[in-house]
Amino acid sequence: MRGRFVIHEHHATRLHWDVRLEIEGALKSWAVPKGPSMNPHDKRLAVQVPDHILSYINFEGVIPEGAYGAGDVRVWDRGFFDSLRDPAKQLEQGKIVFSFFGEKLYGEFSLTKFSREEKNWVLVKSRDKYADREWQMESILLPKRMRK
């Protein structure tokens, strides 16, 4: 099953990346503090946040002070994702396996829930031909001298 995805670089209270997958007419969303990684050894915390409307897939701009998620938002990556099984059913079961076909990210990833009640998931790159142990996350907005 194929859907669109977007990853927003989001300079809110703290810099993070929002991973959004188009599933059942909405953008299912996770805030990833360190951003996704092409290194299969990196396990990235992904905190599930409220769904976003589909038109948000193209959003870039500044969310005003006082609004939820206030700060600068830019598209960091976008494209399509494929999943062999129904992504909505996988999410319900607490694990979704999918492949990104983006401008920066490519290949198989998984999102796995820590426990039934929590919003905490882990995002991991699979060991496939696109995996890169030397890969480094790059901000599109922060100058290199300001990156950690």
N, C-alpha and C. Protein backbone atom coordinates (compact mmCIF):
# COMPACT_ATOMS: atom_id res chain seq x y z
N MET A 1 0.85 -1.17 0.00
CA MET A 1 0.00 0.00 0.00
C MET A 1 0.90 1.23 0.00
N ARG A 2 0.60 2.16 -0.86
CA ARG A 2 1.44 3.34 -1.04
C ARG A 2 0.75 4.59 -0.52
N GLY A 3 1.53 5.46 0.09
CA GLY A 3 1.04 6.75 0.57
C GLY A 3 2.14 7.78 0.48
N ARG A 4 1.78 9.01 0.72
CA ARG A 4 2.78 10.08 0.73
C ARG A 4 3.35 10.23 2.14
N PHE A 5 4.55 10.82 2.20
CA PHE A 5 5.12 11.17 3.50
C PHE A 5 5.80 12.53 3.38
N VAL A 6 5.96 13.16 4.52
CA VAL A 6 6.76 14.37 4.63
C VAL A 6 7.49 14.32 5.96
N ILE A 7 8.67 14.89 5.97
CA ILE A 7 9.41 15.09 7.22
C ILE A 7 9.67 16.58 7.33
N HIS A 8 9.10 17.17 8.38
CA HIS A 8 9.29 18.59 8.63
C HIS A 8 10.42 18.79 9.63
N GLU A 9 11.31 19.72 9.33
CA GLU A 9 12.26 20.20 10.34
C GLU A 9 11.52 21.30 11.09
N HIS A 10 11.42 21.14 12.41
CA HIS A 10 10.54 22.00 13.20
C HIS A 10 11.33 22.65 14.33
N HIS A 11 11.51 23.95 14.22
CA HIS A 11 12.22 24.72 15.24
C HIS A 11 11.20 25.31 16.20
N ALA A 12 10.72 24.48 17.11
CA ALA A 12 9.74 24.90 18.12
C ALA A 12 10.52 25.16 19.41
N THR A 13 9.92 24.84 20.56
CA THR A 13 10.64 25.00 21.83
C THR A 13 11.99 24.32 21.75
N ARG A 14 12.00 23.13 21.14
CA ARG A 14 13.25 22.40 20.87
C ARG A 14 13.22 21.94 19.42
N LEU A 15 14.39 21.95 18.80
CA LEU A 15 14.50 21.46 17.43
C LEU A 15 14.16 19.97 17.38
N HIS A 16 13.31 19.61 16.43
CA HIS A 16 12.99 18.19 16.20
C HIS A 16 12.51 18.04 14.76
N TRP A 17 12.32 16.82 14.34
CA TRP A 17 11.80 16.52 13.01
C TRP A 17 10.48 15.79 13.18
N ASP A 18 9.48 16.19 12.40
CA ASP A 18 8.17 15.54 12.44
C ASP A 18 8.04 14.60 11.25
N VAL A 19 7.89 13.32 11.53
CA VAL A 19 7.68 12.30 10.50
C VAL A 19 6.18 12.13 10.33
N ARG A 20 5.69 12.32 9.11
CA ARG A 20 4.25 12.25 8.85
C ARG A 20 3.97 11.30 7.69
N LEU A 21 3.10 10.32 7.95
CA LEU A 21 2.73 9.31 6.96
C LEU A 21 1.25 9.46 6.62
N GLU A 22 0.93 9.46 5.34
CA GLU A 22 -0.47 9.54 4.91
C GLU A 22 -1.12 8.17 5.08
N ILE A 23 -2.02 8.08 6.06
CA ILE A 23 -2.72 6.82 6.35
C ILE A 23 -4.18 7.15 6.64
N GLU A 24 -5.08 6.50 5.92
CA GLU A 24 -6.52 6.66 6.12
C GLU A 24 -6.96 8.12 6.11
N GLY A 25 -6.48 8.89 5.15
CA GLY A 25 -6.95 10.26 4.97
C GLY A 25 -6.42 11.29 5.93
N ALA A 26 -5.38 10.95 6.68
CA ALA A 26 -4.75 11.89 7.62
C ALA A 26 -3.25 11.68 7.59
N LEU A 27 -2.53 12.64 8.16
CA LEU A 27 -1.09 12.48 8.33
C LEU A 27 -0.84 12.01 9.75
N LYS A 28 -0.55 10.72 9.91
CA LYS A 28 -0.15 10.17 11.21
C LYS A 28 1.23 10.74 11.48
N SER A 29 1.46 11.23 12.71
CA SER A 29 2.64 12.05 12.96
C SER A 29 3.39 11.66 14.22
N TRP A 30 4.72 11.76 14.14
CA TRP A 30 5.62 11.51 15.26
C TRP A 30 6.67 12.61 15.29
N ALA A 31 6.95 13.13 16.48
CA ALA A 31 8.05 14.07 16.68
C ALA A 31 9.30 13.26 17.01
N VAL A 32 10.36 13.48 16.24
CA VAL A 32 11.60 12.72 16.40
C VAL A 32 12.70 13.72 16.78
N PRO A 33 13.07 13.79 18.07
CA PRO A 33 14.01 14.81 18.54
C PRO A 33 15.35 14.84 17.79
N LYS A 34 15.91 13.69 17.49
CA LYS A 34 17.21 13.67 16.80
C LYS A 34 17.08 13.49 15.30
N GLY A 35 15.84 13.38 14.82
CA GLY A 35 15.62 13.18 13.40
C GLY A 35 15.84 11.74 12.99
N PRO A 36 15.34 11.36 11.81
CA PRO A 36 15.54 9.99 11.33
C PRO A 36 17.01 9.76 10.98
N SER A 37 17.37 8.51 10.83
CA SER A 37 18.75 8.17 10.51
C SER A 37 18.78 7.03 9.49
N MET A 38 19.76 7.07 8.62
CA MET A 38 19.99 5.99 7.66
C MET A 38 20.90 4.91 8.25
N ASN A 39 21.34 5.09 9.50
CA ASN A 39 22.20 4.13 10.18
C ASN A 39 21.33 3.16 10.98
N PRO A 40 21.35 1.87 10.64
CA PRO A 40 20.50 0.90 11.36
C PRO A 40 20.83 0.75 12.84
N HIS A 41 21.99 1.24 13.27
CA HIS A 41 22.36 1.15 14.68
C HIS A 41 21.72 2.26 15.51
N ASP A 42 21.20 3.30 14.85
CA ASP A 42 20.56 4.41 15.56
C ASP A 42 19.10 4.08 15.82
N LYS A 43 18.73 4.12 17.07
CA LYS A 43 17.33 3.93 17.46
C LYS A 43 16.82 5.29 17.90
N ARG A 44 15.87 5.83 17.14
CA ARG A 44 15.40 7.19 17.38
C ARG A 44 14.04 7.19 18.08
N LEU A 45 13.98 7.89 19.22
CA LEU A 45 12.71 8.11 19.89
C LEU A 45 11.78 8.84 18.94
N ALA A 46 10.54 8.38 18.83
CA ALA A 46 9.52 9.01 17.99
C ALA A 46 8.26 9.12 18.84
N VAL A 47 7.89 10.33 19.22
CA VAL A 47 6.74 10.56 20.09
C VAL A 47 5.52 10.86 19.21
N GLN A 48 4.51 10.00 19.31
CA GLN A 48 3.31 10.19 18.50
C GLN A 48 2.60 11.47 18.94
N VAL A 49 2.26 12.30 17.96
CA VAL A 49 1.56 13.55 18.20
C VAL A 49 0.23 13.50 17.43
N PRO A 50 -0.65 14.46 17.65
CA PRO A 50 -1.95 14.42 16.95
C PRO A 50 -1.80 14.36 15.43
N ASP A 51 -2.78 13.69 14.81
CA ASP A 51 -2.82 13.63 13.35
C ASP A 51 -2.92 15.05 12.79
N HIS A 52 -2.42 15.21 11.56
CA HIS A 52 -2.53 16.49 10.86
C HIS A 52 -3.35 16.28 9.60
N ILE A 53 -3.96 17.34 9.10
CA ILE A 53 -4.74 17.26 7.87
C ILE A 53 -3.80 17.08 6.68
N LEU A 54 -4.30 16.46 5.63
CA LEU A 54 -3.47 16.15 4.47
C LEU A 54 -2.82 17.38 3.84
N SER A 55 -3.48 18.51 3.84
CA SER A 55 -2.90 19.71 3.22
C SER A 55 -1.62 20.16 3.93
N TYR A 56 -1.41 19.69 5.14
CA TYR A 56 -0.20 20.04 5.90
C TYR A 56 1.05 19.41 5.29
N ILE A 57 0.88 18.49 4.37
CA ILE A 57 2.02 17.82 3.75
C ILE A 57 2.91 18.81 3.00
N ASN A 58 2.35 19.93 2.55
CA ASN A 58 3.12 20.94 1.83
C ASN A 58 3.43 22.18 2.67
N PHE A 59 3.06 22.16 3.94
CA PHE A 59 3.22 23.35 4.77
C PHE A 59 4.69 23.67 5.02
N GLU A 60 5.00 24.94 4.86
CA GLU A 60 6.26 25.52 5.32
C GLU A 60 5.92 26.92 5.80
N GLY A 61 6.52 27.34 6.89
CA GLY A 61 6.25 28.67 7.39
C GLY A 61 6.47 28.75 8.88
N VAL A 62 5.96 29.81 9.46
CA VAL A 62 6.12 30.05 10.89
C VAL A 62 4.76 29.89 11.56
N ILE A 63 4.70 29.01 12.56
CA ILE A 63 3.51 28.87 13.39
C ILE A 63 3.63 29.94 14.48
N PRO A 64 2.63 30.81 14.63
CA PRO A 64 2.76 31.96 15.53
C PRO A 64 2.85 31.57 17.01
N GLU A 65 3.51 32.45 17.78
CA GLU A 65 3.60 32.29 19.23
C GLU A 65 2.22 32.08 19.82
N GLY A 66 2.12 31.21 20.81
CA GLY A 66 0.85 30.94 21.47
C GLY A 66 0.07 29.81 20.83
N ALA A 67 0.41 29.43 19.60
CA ALA A 67 -0.26 28.33 18.91
C ALA A 67 0.50 27.04 19.18
N TYR A 68 -0.22 25.91 19.10
CA TYR A 68 0.42 24.60 19.27
C TYR A 68 1.54 24.45 18.25
N GLY A 69 2.74 24.12 18.70
CA GLY A 69 3.87 23.90 17.80
C GLY A 69 4.50 25.18 17.28
N ALA A 70 4.33 26.29 17.98
CA ALA A 70 4.86 27.57 17.52
C ALA A 70 6.34 27.45 17.14
N GLY A 71 6.68 28.03 16.00
CA GLY A 71 8.06 28.03 15.53
C GLY A 71 8.14 27.85 14.02
N ASP A 72 9.35 27.79 13.52
CA ASP A 72 9.63 27.68 12.09
C ASP A 72 9.54 26.23 11.64
N VAL A 73 8.83 25.99 10.53
CA VAL A 73 8.64 24.65 9.99
C VAL A 73 9.06 24.64 8.53
N ARG A 74 9.92 23.70 8.14
CA ARG A 74 10.36 23.55 6.76
C ARG A 74 10.29 22.09 6.35
N VAL A 75 10.00 21.84 5.08
CA VAL A 75 10.02 20.47 4.56
C VAL A 75 11.48 20.04 4.46
N TRP A 76 11.84 18.97 5.19
CA TRP A 76 13.19 18.43 5.16
C TRP A 76 13.30 17.31 4.12
N ASP A 77 12.25 16.52 3.99
CA ASP A 77 12.20 15.45 2.99
C ASP A 77 10.74 15.16 2.67
N ARG A 78 10.52 14.62 1.49
CA ARG A 78 9.16 14.23 1.10
C ARG A 78 9.25 13.19 0.01
N GLY A 79 8.14 12.48 -0.18
CA GLY A 79 8.08 11.47 -1.21
C GLY A 79 6.94 10.52 -0.95
N PHE A 80 7.19 9.24 -1.25
CA PHE A 80 6.19 8.20 -1.05
C PHE A 80 6.74 7.14 -0.11
N PHE A 81 5.83 6.42 0.53
CA PHE A 81 6.22 5.25 1.30
C PHE A 81 5.35 4.09 0.85
N ASP A 82 5.91 2.91 0.93
CA ASP A 82 5.20 1.67 0.59
C ASP A 82 5.23 0.75 1.80
N SER A 83 4.17 -0.01 1.96
CA SER A 83 4.11 -1.02 3.00
C SER A 83 3.45 -2.26 2.41
N LEU A 84 3.98 -3.42 2.73
CA LEU A 84 3.43 -4.66 2.19
C LEU A 84 2.08 -5.00 2.82
N ARG A 85 1.88 -4.55 4.07
CA ARG A 85 0.62 -4.79 4.77
C ARG A 85 -0.08 -3.47 5.02
N ASP A 86 -1.35 -3.51 5.30
CA ASP A 86 -2.14 -2.31 5.57
C ASP A 86 -1.51 -1.51 6.71
N PRO A 87 -1.04 -0.27 6.43
CA PRO A 87 -0.37 0.52 7.47
C PRO A 87 -1.27 0.83 8.67
N ALA A 88 -2.57 1.03 8.43
CA ALA A 88 -3.48 1.33 9.55
C ALA A 88 -3.57 0.15 10.51
N LYS A 89 -3.65 -1.06 9.96
CA LYS A 89 -3.69 -2.26 10.82
C LYS A 89 -2.38 -2.44 11.56
N GLN A 90 -1.27 -2.17 10.88
CA GLN A 90 0.04 -2.29 11.54
C GLN A 90 0.15 -1.31 12.70
N LEU A 91 -0.29 -0.06 12.48
CA LEU A 91 -0.25 0.94 13.55
C LEU A 91 -1.07 0.49 14.75
N GLU A 92 -2.23 -0.04 14.47
CA GLU A 92 -3.11 -0.53 15.54
C GLU A 92 -2.41 -1.62 16.35
N GLN A 93 -1.59 -2.43 15.68
CA GLN A 93 -0.87 -3.51 16.35
C GLN A 93 0.42 -3.04 17.02
N GLY A 94 0.82 -1.78 16.76
CA GLY A 94 1.98 -1.23 17.44
C GLY A 94 3.29 -1.33 16.69
N LYS A 95 3.25 -1.73 15.43
CA LYS A 95 4.49 -1.75 14.64
C LYS A 95 4.14 -1.63 13.17
N ILE A 96 4.80 -0.68 12.51
CA ILE A 96 4.61 -0.51 11.08
C ILE A 96 5.97 -0.61 10.39
N VAL A 97 6.02 -1.42 9.36
CA VAL A 97 7.23 -1.58 8.54
C VAL A 97 6.90 -1.01 7.17
N PHE A 98 7.76 -0.13 6.67
CA PHE A 98 7.50 0.56 5.42
C PHE A 98 8.81 0.95 4.76
N SER A 99 8.74 1.31 3.50
CA SER A 99 9.91 1.80 2.76
C SER A 99 9.67 3.22 2.31
N PHE A 100 10.67 4.08 2.59
CA PHE A 100 10.64 5.46 2.10
C PHE A 100 11.21 5.52 0.70
N PHE A 101 10.60 6.35 -0.14
CA PHE A 101 11.13 6.70 -1.46
C PHE A 101 11.11 8.22 -1.49
N GLY A 102 12.11 8.82 -0.86
CA GLY A 102 12.16 10.27 -0.71
C GLY A 102 13.33 10.88 -1.42
N GLU A 103 13.54 12.15 -1.15
CA GLU A 103 14.67 12.88 -1.71
C GLU A 103 15.93 12.62 -0.91
N LYS A 104 15.79 12.35 0.41
CA LYS A 104 16.93 12.09 1.30
C LYS A 104 16.90 10.70 1.90
N LEU A 105 15.72 10.21 2.23
CA LEU A 105 15.59 8.90 2.87
C LEU A 105 15.08 7.89 1.86
N TYR A 106 15.66 6.69 1.95
CA TYR A 106 15.31 5.64 1.01
C TYR A 106 15.43 4.30 1.71
N GLY A 107 14.56 3.40 1.39
CA GLY A 107 14.65 2.05 1.92
C GLY A 107 13.73 1.81 3.10
N GLU A 108 13.90 0.63 3.70
CA GLU A 108 12.98 0.15 4.74
C GLU A 108 13.28 0.72 6.12
N PHE A 109 12.21 1.08 6.82
CA PHE A 109 12.25 1.57 8.20
C PHE A 109 11.15 0.87 8.98
N SER A 110 11.22 0.97 10.30
CA SER A 110 10.11 0.50 11.13
C SER A 110 9.87 1.51 12.25
N LEU A 111 8.62 1.62 12.63
CA LEU A 111 8.19 2.37 13.80
C LEU A 111 7.55 1.36 14.73
N THR A 112 8.07 1.26 15.96
CA THR A 112 7.58 0.27 16.91
C THR A 112 7.22 0.97 18.22
N LYS A 113 6.03 0.68 18.71
CA LYS A 113 5.53 1.29 19.94
C LYS A 113 6.20 0.62 21.15
N PHE A 114 6.54 1.42 22.16
CA PHE A 114 7.15 0.89 23.38
C PHE A 114 6.16 0.05 24.18
N SER A 115 4.94 0.59 24.38
CA SER A 115 3.92 -0.14 25.12
C SER A 115 2.55 0.31 24.63
N ARG A 116 1.53 -0.41 25.00
CA ARG A 116 0.18 -0.15 24.49
C ARG A 116 -0.35 1.25 24.80
N GLU A 117 -0.12 1.76 26.01
CA GLU A 117 -0.72 3.03 26.42
C GLU A 117 0.09 4.26 26.03
N GLU A 118 1.38 4.11 25.86
CA GLU A 118 2.24 5.27 25.67
C GLU A 118 2.27 5.76 24.23
N LYS A 119 2.70 7.00 24.09
CA LYS A 119 2.85 7.63 22.77
C LYS A 119 4.28 7.44 22.23
N ASN A 120 5.14 6.78 23.02
CA ASN A 120 6.53 6.63 22.62
C ASN A 120 6.75 5.44 21.69
N TRP A 121 7.37 5.71 20.57
CA TRP A 121 7.72 4.71 19.57
C TRP A 121 9.22 4.81 19.33
N VAL A 122 9.76 3.88 18.57
CA VAL A 122 11.15 3.96 18.15
C VAL A 122 11.18 3.82 16.62
N LEU A 123 11.95 4.69 15.98
CA LEU A 123 12.12 4.68 14.53
C LEU A 123 13.51 4.13 14.23
N VAL A 124 13.55 3.08 13.40
CA VAL A 124 14.83 2.42 13.09
C VAL A 124 14.91 2.14 11.59
N LYS A 125 16.07 2.39 11.03
CA LYS A 125 16.36 2.03 9.64
C LYS A 125 16.70 0.55 9.58
N SER A 126 16.16 -0.15 8.61
CA SER A 126 16.48 -1.58 8.42
C SER A 126 17.85 -1.73 7.77
N ARG A 127 18.42 -2.90 7.97
CA ARG A 127 19.70 -3.21 7.32
C ARG A 127 19.40 -3.65 5.89
N ASP A 128 19.38 -2.68 4.98
CA ASP A 128 19.16 -2.98 3.57
C ASP A 128 20.26 -2.30 2.76
N LYS A 129 20.16 -2.35 1.45
CA LYS A 129 21.23 -1.81 0.60
C LYS A 129 21.35 -0.28 0.69
N TYR A 130 20.37 0.39 1.29
CA TYR A 130 20.43 1.84 1.43
C TYR A 130 20.98 2.28 2.78
N ALA A 131 21.16 1.36 3.70
CA ALA A 131 21.67 1.69 5.03
C ALA A 131 23.06 2.30 4.91
N ASP A 132 23.34 3.26 5.80
CA ASP A 132 24.63 3.97 5.76
C ASP A 132 25.07 4.26 7.19
N ARG A 133 26.05 3.52 7.66
CA ARG A 133 26.53 3.68 9.04
C ARG A 133 27.24 5.02 9.27
N GLU A 134 27.66 5.68 8.21
CA GLU A 134 28.37 6.97 8.32
C GLU A 134 27.43 8.17 8.19
N TRP A 135 26.16 7.91 7.94
CA TRP A 135 25.21 8.97 7.66
C TRP A 135 25.07 9.92 8.84
N GLN A 136 24.97 11.21 8.57
CA GLN A 136 24.79 12.22 9.62
C GLN A 136 23.56 13.06 9.33
N MET A 137 22.78 13.34 10.36
CA MET A 137 21.60 14.20 10.24
C MET A 137 22.06 15.62 9.96
N GLU A 138 21.45 16.28 8.99
CA GLU A 138 21.79 17.67 8.64
C GLU A 138 20.55 18.55 8.74
N SER A 139 20.65 19.60 9.50
CA SER A 139 19.59 20.61 9.57
C SER A 139 19.63 21.43 8.29
N ILE A 140 18.47 21.82 7.78
CA ILE A 140 18.45 22.70 6.60
C ILE A 140 18.40 24.17 7.01
N LEU A 141 18.14 24.44 8.29
CA LEU A 141 18.00 25.81 8.74
C LEU A 141 19.15 26.30 9.61
N LEU A 142 19.73 25.42 10.43
CA LEU A 142 20.80 25.84 11.33
C LEU A 142 22.14 25.91 10.60
N PRO A 143 22.90 26.98 10.79
CA PRO A 143 24.26 26.99 10.24
C PRO A 143 25.07 25.88 10.90
N LYS A 144 26.03 25.30 10.17
CA LYS A 144 26.82 24.17 10.70
C LYS A 144 27.47 24.49 12.03
N ARG A 145 27.92 25.71 12.25
CA ARG A 145 28.60 26.04 13.50
C ARG A 145 27.67 25.96 14.72
N MET A 146 26.33 25.99 14.49
CA MET A 146 25.37 25.95 15.59
C MET A 146 24.81 24.54 15.84
N ARG A 147 25.17 23.58 15.01
CA ARG A 147 24.64 22.22 15.15
C ARG A 147 25.41 21.46 16.21
N LYS A 148 24.71 20.58 16.89
CA LYS A 148 25.37 19.74 17.91
C LYS A 148 25.87 18.48 17.27
